[in-house]
């Protein structure tokens, strides 16, 4: 994964991924550029998945603590 993608937050990665998908949906003349776009799109999708997994893990860790805090 490129460094710029690794630093992206979820919203930025999703926005670029959406743009990439739209570009790939159009007819492309340059096969090499299409492949590069596809690879970047995959990296963006992996970044989004990782960020979602991390958020889910953090919420799972926080949920028991929140339940204990609200218990009488």
PDB file of N, CA and C in Angstrom:
ATOM      1  N   UNK A   1       0.853  -1.172   0.000  1.00  0.00           N
ATOM      2  CA  UNK A   1       0.000   0.000   0.000  1.00  0.00           C
ATOM      3  C   UNK A   1       0.898   1.233   0.000  1.00  0.00           C
ATOM      4  N   UNK A   2       0.536   2.186  -0.823  1.00  0.00           N
ATOM      5  CA  UNK A   2       1.360   3.389  -0.869  1.00  0.00           C
ATOM      6  C   UNK A   2       1.183   4.204   0.406  1.00  0.00           C
ATOM      7  N   UNK A   3       2.190   5.005   0.696  1.00  0.00           N
ATOM      8  CA  UNK A   3       2.181   5.773   1.943  1.00  0.00           C
ATOM      9  C   UNK A   3       1.027   6.760   2.009  1.00  0.00           C
ATOM     10  N   UNK A   4       0.666   7.361   0.867  1.00  0.00           N
ATOM     11  CA  UNK A   4      -0.436   8.326   0.914  1.00  0.00           C
ATOM     12  C   UNK A   4      -1.747   7.638   1.275  1.00  0.00           C
ATOM     13  N   UNK A   5      -1.959   6.436   0.796  1.00  0.00           N
ATOM     14  CA  UNK A   5      -3.171   5.693   1.147  1.00  0.00           C
ATOM     15  C   UNK A   5      -3.120   5.276   2.611  1.00  0.00           C
ATOM     16  N   UNK A   6      -1.962   4.869   3.082  1.00  0.00           N
ATOM     17  CA  UNK A   6      -1.817   4.427   4.469  1.00  0.00           C
ATOM     18  C   UNK A   6      -2.117   5.548   5.461  1.00  0.00           C
ATOM     19  N   UNK A   7      -1.987   6.802   5.045  1.00  0.00           N
ATOM     20  CA  UNK A   7      -2.258   7.931   5.931  1.00  0.00           C
ATOM     21  C   UNK A   7      -3.694   8.448   5.808  1.00  0.00           C
ATOM     22  N   UNK A   8      -4.450   7.943   4.854  1.00  0.00           N
ATOM     23  CA  UNK A   8      -5.808   8.440   4.621  1.00  0.00           C
ATOM     24  C   UNK A   8      -6.755   8.032   5.725  1.00  0.00           C
ATOM     25  N   UNK A   9      -7.671   8.944   6.034  1.00  0.00           N
ATOM     26  CA  UNK A   9      -8.753   8.562   6.925  1.00  0.00           C
ATOM     27  C   UNK A   9      -9.833   7.870   6.078  1.00  0.00           C
ATOM     28  N   UNK A  10     -10.820   7.335   6.746  1.00  0.00           N
ATOM     29  CA  UNK A  10     -11.844   6.541   6.061  1.00  0.00           C
ATOM     30  C   UNK A  10     -12.572   7.357   4.982  1.00  0.00           C
ATOM     31  N   UNK A  11     -12.983   8.558   5.328  1.00  0.00           N
ATOM     32  CA  UNK A  11     -13.760   9.373   4.400  1.00  0.00           C
ATOM     33  C   UNK A  11     -12.980   9.696   3.131  1.00  0.00           C
ATOM     34  N   UNK A  12     -11.707  10.024   3.268  1.00  0.00           N
ATOM     35  CA  UNK A  12     -10.879  10.333   2.104  1.00  0.00           C
ATOM     36  C   UNK A  12     -10.677   9.095   1.237  1.00  0.00           C
ATOM     37  N   UNK A  13     -10.445   7.959   1.873  1.00  0.00           N
ATOM     38  CA  UNK A  13     -10.228   6.721   1.111  1.00  0.00           C
ATOM     39  C   UNK A  13     -11.489   6.315   0.362  1.00  0.00           C
ATOM     40  N   UNK A  14     -12.643   6.428   1.005  1.00  0.00           N
ATOM     41  CA  UNK A  14     -13.902   6.071   0.339  1.00  0.00           C
ATOM     42  C   UNK A  14     -14.179   7.006  -0.833  1.00  0.00           C
ATOM     43  N   UNK A  15     -13.945   8.302  -0.634  1.00  0.00           N
ATOM     44  CA  UNK A  15     -14.181   9.270  -1.706  1.00  0.00           C
ATOM     45  C   UNK A  15     -13.314   8.964  -2.923  1.00  0.00           C
ATOM     46  N   UNK A  16     -12.037   8.685  -2.683  1.00  0.00           N
ATOM     47  CA  UNK A  16     -11.160   8.375  -3.823  1.00  0.00           C
ATOM     48  C   UNK A  16     -11.531   7.045  -4.445  1.00  0.00           C
ATOM     49  N   UNK A  17     -11.919   6.080  -3.630  1.00  0.00           N
ATOM     50  CA  UNK A  17     -12.337   4.781  -4.157  1.00  0.00           C
ATOM     51  C   UNK A  17     -13.561   4.943  -5.063  1.00  0.00           C
ATOM     52  N   UNK A  18     -14.517   5.761  -4.650  1.00  0.00           N
ATOM     53  CA  UNK A  18     -15.694   6.012  -5.477  1.00  0.00           C
ATOM     54  C   UNK A  18     -15.312   6.631  -6.814  1.00  0.00           C
ATOM     55  N   UNK A  19     -14.392   7.600  -6.783  1.00  0.00           N
ATOM     56  CA  UNK A  19     -13.920   8.225  -8.028  1.00  0.00           C
ATOM     57  C   UNK A  19     -13.220   7.207  -8.916  1.00  0.00           C
ATOM     58  N   UNK A  20     -12.427   6.349  -8.305  1.00  0.00           N
ATOM     59  CA  UNK A  20     -11.692   5.337  -9.062  1.00  0.00           C
ATOM     60  C   UNK A  20     -12.654   4.368  -9.739  1.00  0.00           C
ATOM     61  N   UNK A  21     -13.665   3.942  -9.018  1.00  0.00           N
ATOM     62  CA  UNK A  21     -14.659   3.017  -9.586  1.00  0.00           C
ATOM     63  C   UNK A  21     -15.373   3.679 -10.760  1.00  0.00           C
ATOM     64  N   UNK A  22     -15.720   4.954 -10.620  1.00  0.00           N
ATOM     65  CA  UNK A  22     -16.368   5.668 -11.723  1.00  0.00           C
ATOM     66  C   UNK A  22     -15.454   5.733 -12.941  1.00  0.00           C
ATOM     67  N   UNK A  23     -14.166   6.030 -12.715  1.00  0.00           N
ATOM     68  CA  UNK A  23     -13.208   6.093 -13.824  1.00  0.00           C
ATOM     69  C   UNK A  23     -13.051   4.739 -14.503  1.00  0.00           C
ATOM     70  N   UNK A  24     -12.993   3.692 -13.704  1.00  0.00           N
ATOM     71  CA  UNK A  24     -12.832   2.358 -14.282  1.00  0.00           C
ATOM     72  C   UNK A  24     -14.078   1.923 -15.045  1.00  0.00           C
ATOM     73  N   UNK A  25     -15.226   2.498 -14.714  1.00  0.00           N
ATOM     74  CA  UNK A  25     -16.466   2.178 -15.417  1.00  0.00           C
ATOM     75  C   UNK A  25     -16.533   2.798 -16.794  1.00  0.00           C
ATOM     76  N   UNK A  26     -15.680   3.769 -17.060  1.00  0.00           N
ATOM     77  CA  UNK A  26     -15.633   4.414 -18.365  1.00  0.00           C
ATOM     78  C   UNK A  26     -14.661   3.656 -19.259  1.00  0.00           C
ATOM     79  N   UNK A  27     -14.843   3.808 -20.540  1.00  0.00           N
ATOM     80  CA  UNK A  27     -13.944   3.152 -21.487  1.00  0.00           C
ATOM     81  C   UNK A  27     -12.556   3.772 -21.389  1.00  0.00           C
ATOM     82  N   UNK A  28     -11.553   2.923 -21.252  1.00  0.00           N
ATOM     83  CA  UNK A  28     -10.174   3.373 -21.115  1.00  0.00           C
ATOM     84  C   UNK A  28      -9.379   3.008 -22.371  1.00  0.00           C
ATOM     85  N   UNK A  29      -8.538   3.923 -22.785  1.00  0.00           N
ATOM     86  CA  UNK A  29      -7.682   3.658 -23.945  1.00  0.00           C
ATOM     87  C   UNK A  29      -6.353   3.039 -23.541  1.00  0.00           C
ATOM     88  N   UNK A  30      -5.891   3.351 -22.353  1.00  0.00           N
ATOM     89  CA  UNK A  30      -4.571   2.908 -21.907  1.00  0.00           C
ATOM     90  C   UNK A  30      -4.716   1.776 -20.901  1.00  0.00           C
ATOM     91  N   UNK A  31      -4.373   0.575 -21.320  1.00  0.00           N
ATOM     92  CA  UNK A  31      -4.505  -0.601 -20.459  1.00  0.00           C
ATOM     93  C   UNK A  31      -3.629  -0.486 -19.219  1.00  0.00           C
ATOM     94  N   UNK A  32      -2.407  -0.004 -19.369  1.00  0.00           N
ATOM     95  CA  UNK A  32      -1.499   0.114 -18.224  1.00  0.00           C
ATOM     96  C   UNK A  32      -2.074   1.069 -17.183  1.00  0.00           C
ATOM     97  N   UNK A  33      -2.669   2.173 -17.619  1.00  0.00           N
ATOM     98  CA  UNK A  33      -3.279   3.121 -16.684  1.00  0.00           C
ATOM     99  C   UNK A  33      -4.484   2.488 -15.993  1.00  0.00           C
ATOM    100  N   UNK A  34      -5.256   1.713 -16.711  1.00  0.00           N
ATOM    101  CA  UNK A  34      -6.403   1.021 -16.114  1.00  0.00           C
ATOM    102  C   UNK A  34      -5.945   0.048 -15.029  1.00  0.00           C
ATOM    103  N   UNK A  35      -4.860  -0.654 -15.294  1.00  0.00           N
ATOM    104  CA  UNK A  35      -4.327  -1.599 -14.307  1.00  0.00           C
ATOM    105  C   UNK A  35      -3.844  -0.848 -13.072  1.00  0.00           C
ATOM    106  N   UNK A  36      -3.149   0.270 -13.269  1.00  0.00           N
ATOM    107  CA  UNK A  36      -2.688   1.076 -12.129  1.00  0.00           C
ATOM    108  C   UNK A  36      -3.874   1.588 -11.303  1.00  0.00           C
ATOM    109  N   UNK A  37      -4.912   2.042 -11.996  1.00  0.00           N
ATOM    110  CA  UNK A  37      -6.104   2.516 -11.293  1.00  0.00           C
ATOM    111  C   UNK A  37      -6.761   1.385 -10.502  1.00  0.00           C
ATOM    112  N   UNK A  38      -6.826   0.207 -11.110  1.00  0.00           N
ATOM    113  CA  UNK A  38      -7.420  -0.945 -10.439  1.00  0.00           C
ATOM    114  C   UNK A  38      -6.629  -1.313  -9.190  1.00  0.00           C
ATOM    115  N   UNK A  39      -5.306  -1.323  -9.316  1.00  0.00           N
ATOM    116  CA  UNK A  39      -4.451  -1.640  -8.161  1.00  0.00           C
ATOM    117  C   UNK A  39      -4.625  -0.608  -7.047  1.00  0.00           C
ATOM    118  N   UNK A  40      -4.700   0.652  -7.416  1.00  0.00           N
ATOM    119  CA  UNK A  40      -4.907   1.689  -6.402  1.00  0.00           C
ATOM    120  C   UNK A  40      -6.280   1.524  -5.756  1.00  0.00           C
ATOM    121  N   UNK A  41      -7.273   1.193  -6.558  1.00  0.00           N
ATOM    122  CA  UNK A  41      -8.610   0.947  -6.023  1.00  0.00           C
ATOM    123  C   UNK A  41      -8.618  -0.189  -5.021  1.00  0.00           C
ATOM    124  N   UNK A  42      -7.889  -1.256  -5.320  1.00  0.00           N
ATOM    125  CA  UNK A  42      -7.784  -2.366  -4.369  1.00  0.00           C
ATOM    126  C   UNK A  42      -7.123  -1.924  -3.069  1.00  0.00           C
ATOM    127  N   UNK A  43      -6.065  -1.136  -3.188  1.00  0.00           N
ATOM    128  CA  UNK A  43      -5.382  -0.638  -1.990  1.00  0.00           C
ATOM    129  C   UNK A  43      -6.314   0.249  -1.172  1.00  0.00           C
ATOM    130  N   UNK A  44      -7.099   1.066  -1.840  1.00  0.00           N
ATOM    131  CA  UNK A  44      -8.064   1.921  -1.139  1.00  0.00           C
ATOM    132  C   UNK A  44      -9.128   1.076  -0.436  1.00  0.00           C
ATOM    133  N   UNK A  45      -9.606   0.043  -1.113  1.00  0.00           N
ATOM    134  CA  UNK A  45     -10.616  -0.837  -0.511  1.00  0.00           C
ATOM    135  C   UNK A  45     -10.049  -1.554   0.709  1.00  0.00           C
ATOM    136  N   UNK A  46      -8.803  -1.990   0.625  1.00  0.00           N
ATOM    137  CA  UNK A  46      -8.155  -2.646   1.773  1.00  0.00           C
ATOM    138  C   UNK A  46      -7.998  -1.662   2.934  1.00  0.00           C
ATOM    139  N   UNK A  47      -7.647  -0.417   2.626  1.00  0.00           N
ATOM    140  CA  UNK A  47      -7.511   0.598   3.667  1.00  0.00           C
ATOM    141  C   UNK A  47      -8.855   0.828   4.369  1.00  0.00           C
ATOM    142  N   UNK A  48      -9.922   0.948   3.586  1.00  0.00           N
ATOM    143  CA  UNK A  48     -11.253   1.144   4.169  1.00  0.00           C
ATOM    144  C   UNK A  48     -11.630  -0.037   5.058  1.00  0.00           C
ATOM    145  N   UNK A  49     -11.383  -1.241   4.582  1.00  0.00           N
ATOM    146  CA  UNK A  49     -11.720  -2.441   5.362  1.00  0.00           C
ATOM    147  C   UNK A  49     -10.929  -2.469   6.667  1.00  0.00           C
ATOM    148  N   UNK A  50      -9.651  -2.132   6.605  1.00  0.00           N
ATOM    149  CA  UNK A  50      -8.823  -2.124   7.817  1.00  0.00           C
ATOM    150  C   UNK A  50      -9.325  -1.087   8.821  1.00  0.00           C
ATOM    151  N   UNK A  51      -9.662   0.104   8.333  1.00  0.00           N
ATOM    152  CA  UNK A  51     -10.166   1.143   9.228  1.00  0.00           C
ATOM    153  C   UNK A  51     -11.491   0.733   9.866  1.00  0.00           C
ATOM    154  N   UNK A  52     -12.360   0.092   9.104  1.00  0.00           N
ATOM    155  CA  UNK A  52     -13.626  -0.385   9.664  1.00  0.00           C
ATOM    156  C   UNK A  52     -13.396  -1.490  10.688  1.00  0.00           C
ATOM    157  N   UNK A  53     -12.485  -2.407  10.387  1.00  0.00           N
ATOM    158  CA  UNK A  53     -12.159  -3.478  11.337  1.00  0.00           C
ATOM    159  C   UNK A  53     -11.597  -2.901  12.639  1.00  0.00           C
ATOM    160  N   UNK A  54     -10.716  -1.917  12.516  1.00  0.00           N
ATOM    161  CA  UNK A  54     -10.136  -1.277  13.704  1.00  0.00           C
ATOM    162  C   UNK A  54     -11.213  -0.587  14.537  1.00  0.00           C
ATOM    163  N   UNK A  55     -12.119   0.106  13.868  1.00  0.00           N
ATOM    164  CA  UNK A  55     -13.194   0.795  14.587  1.00  0.00           C
ATOM    165  C   UNK A  55     -14.099  -0.216  15.294  1.00  0.00           C
ATOM    166  N   UNK A  56     -14.420  -1.306  14.615  1.00  0.00           N
ATOM    167  CA  UNK A  56     -15.256  -2.337  15.228  1.00  0.00           C
ATOM    168  C   UNK A  56     -14.567  -2.953  16.448  1.00  0.00           C
ATOM    169  N   UNK A  57     -13.272  -3.197  16.337  1.00  0.00           N
ATOM    170  CA  UNK A  57     -12.519  -3.763  17.458  1.00  0.00           C
ATOM    171  C   UNK A  57     -12.527  -2.806  18.652  1.00  0.00           C
ATOM    172  N   UNK A  58     -12.300  -1.515  18.380  1.00  0.00           N
ATOM    173  CA  UNK A  58     -12.304  -0.538  19.463  1.00  0.00           C
ATOM    174  C   UNK A  58     -13.666  -0.446  20.134  1.00  0.00           C
ATOM    175  N   UNK A  59     -14.734  -0.483  19.335  1.00  0.00           N
ATOM    176  CA  UNK A  59     -16.081  -0.440  19.910  1.00  0.00           C
ATOM    177  C   UNK A  59     -16.361  -1.679  20.754  1.00  0.00           C
ATOM    178  N   UNK A  60     -15.889  -2.832  20.284  1.00  0.00           N
ATOM    179  CA  UNK A  60     -16.077  -4.064  21.055  1.00  0.00           C
ATOM    180  C   UNK A  60     -15.343  -4.000  22.384  1.00  0.00           C
ATOM    181  N   UNK A  61     -14.167  -3.387  22.387  1.00  0.00           N
ATOM    182  CA  UNK A  61     -13.401  -3.243  23.625  1.00  0.00           C
ATOM    183  C   UNK A  61     -14.055  -2.239  24.573  1.00  0.00           C
ATOM    184  N   UNK A  62     -14.665  -1.211  24.019  1.00  0.00           N
ATOM    185  CA  UNK A  62     -15.281  -0.180  24.842  1.00  0.00           C
ATOM    186  C   UNK A  62     -16.652  -0.593  25.381  1.00  0.00           C
ATOM    187  N   UNK A  63     -17.362  -1.435  24.666  1.00  0.00           N
ATOM    188  CA  UNK A  63     -18.719  -1.802  25.066  1.00  0.00           C
ATOM    189  C   UNK A  63     -18.766  -2.417  26.469  1.00  0.00           C
ATOM    190  N   UNK A  64     -17.919  -3.391  26.804  1.00  0.00           N
ATOM    191  CA  UNK A  64     -17.981  -3.938  28.169  1.00  0.00           C
ATOM    192  C   UNK A  64     -17.675  -2.889  29.238  1.00  0.00           C
ATOM    193  N   UNK A  65     -16.747  -1.998  28.971  1.00  0.00           N
ATOM    194  CA  UNK A  65     -16.411  -0.951  29.936  1.00  0.00           C
ATOM    195  C   UNK A  65     -17.594  -0.004  30.119  1.00  0.00           C
ATOM    196  N   UNK A  66     -18.286   0.312  29.047  1.00  0.00           N
ATOM    197  CA  UNK A  66     -19.445   1.202  29.135  1.00  0.00           C
ATOM    198  C   UNK A  66     -20.573   0.528  29.893  1.00  0.00           C
ATOM    199  N   UNK A  67     -20.744  -0.769  29.692  1.00  0.00           N
ATOM    200  CA  UNK A  67     -21.791  -1.498  30.408  1.00  0.00           C
ATOM    201  C   UNK A  67     -21.496  -1.541  31.913  1.00  0.00           C
ATOM    202  N   UNK A  68     -20.241  -1.734  32.278  1.00  0.00           N
ATOM    203  CA  UNK A  68     -19.866  -1.742  33.687  1.00  0.00           C
ATOM    204  C   UNK A  68     -20.088  -0.369  34.322  1.00  0.00           C
ATOM    205  N   UNK A  69     -19.822   0.667  33.591  1.00  0.00           N
ATOM    206  CA  UNK A  69     -19.950   2.022  34.111  1.00  0.00           C
ATOM    207  C   UNK A  69     -21.408   2.394  34.355  1.00  0.00           C
ATOM    208  N   UNK A  70     -22.324   1.819  33.580  1.00  0.00           N
ATOM    209  CA  UNK A  70     -23.738   2.154  33.745  1.00  0.00           C
ATOM    210  C   UNK A  70     -24.477   1.183  34.644  1.00  0.00           C
ATOM    211  N   UNK A  71     -23.839   0.104  35.067  1.00  0.00           N
ATOM    212  CA  UNK A  71     -24.481  -0.864  35.947  1.00  0.00           C
ATOM    213  C   UNK A  71     -24.547  -0.323  37.377  1.00  0.00           C
ATOM    214  N   UNK A  72     -25.681  -0.612  38.077  1.00  0.00           N
ATOM    215  CA  UNK A  72     -25.791  -0.127  39.470  1.00  0.00           C
ATOM    216  C   UNK A  72     -24.886  -0.849  40.424  1.00  0.00           C
TER     217      UNK A  72
END
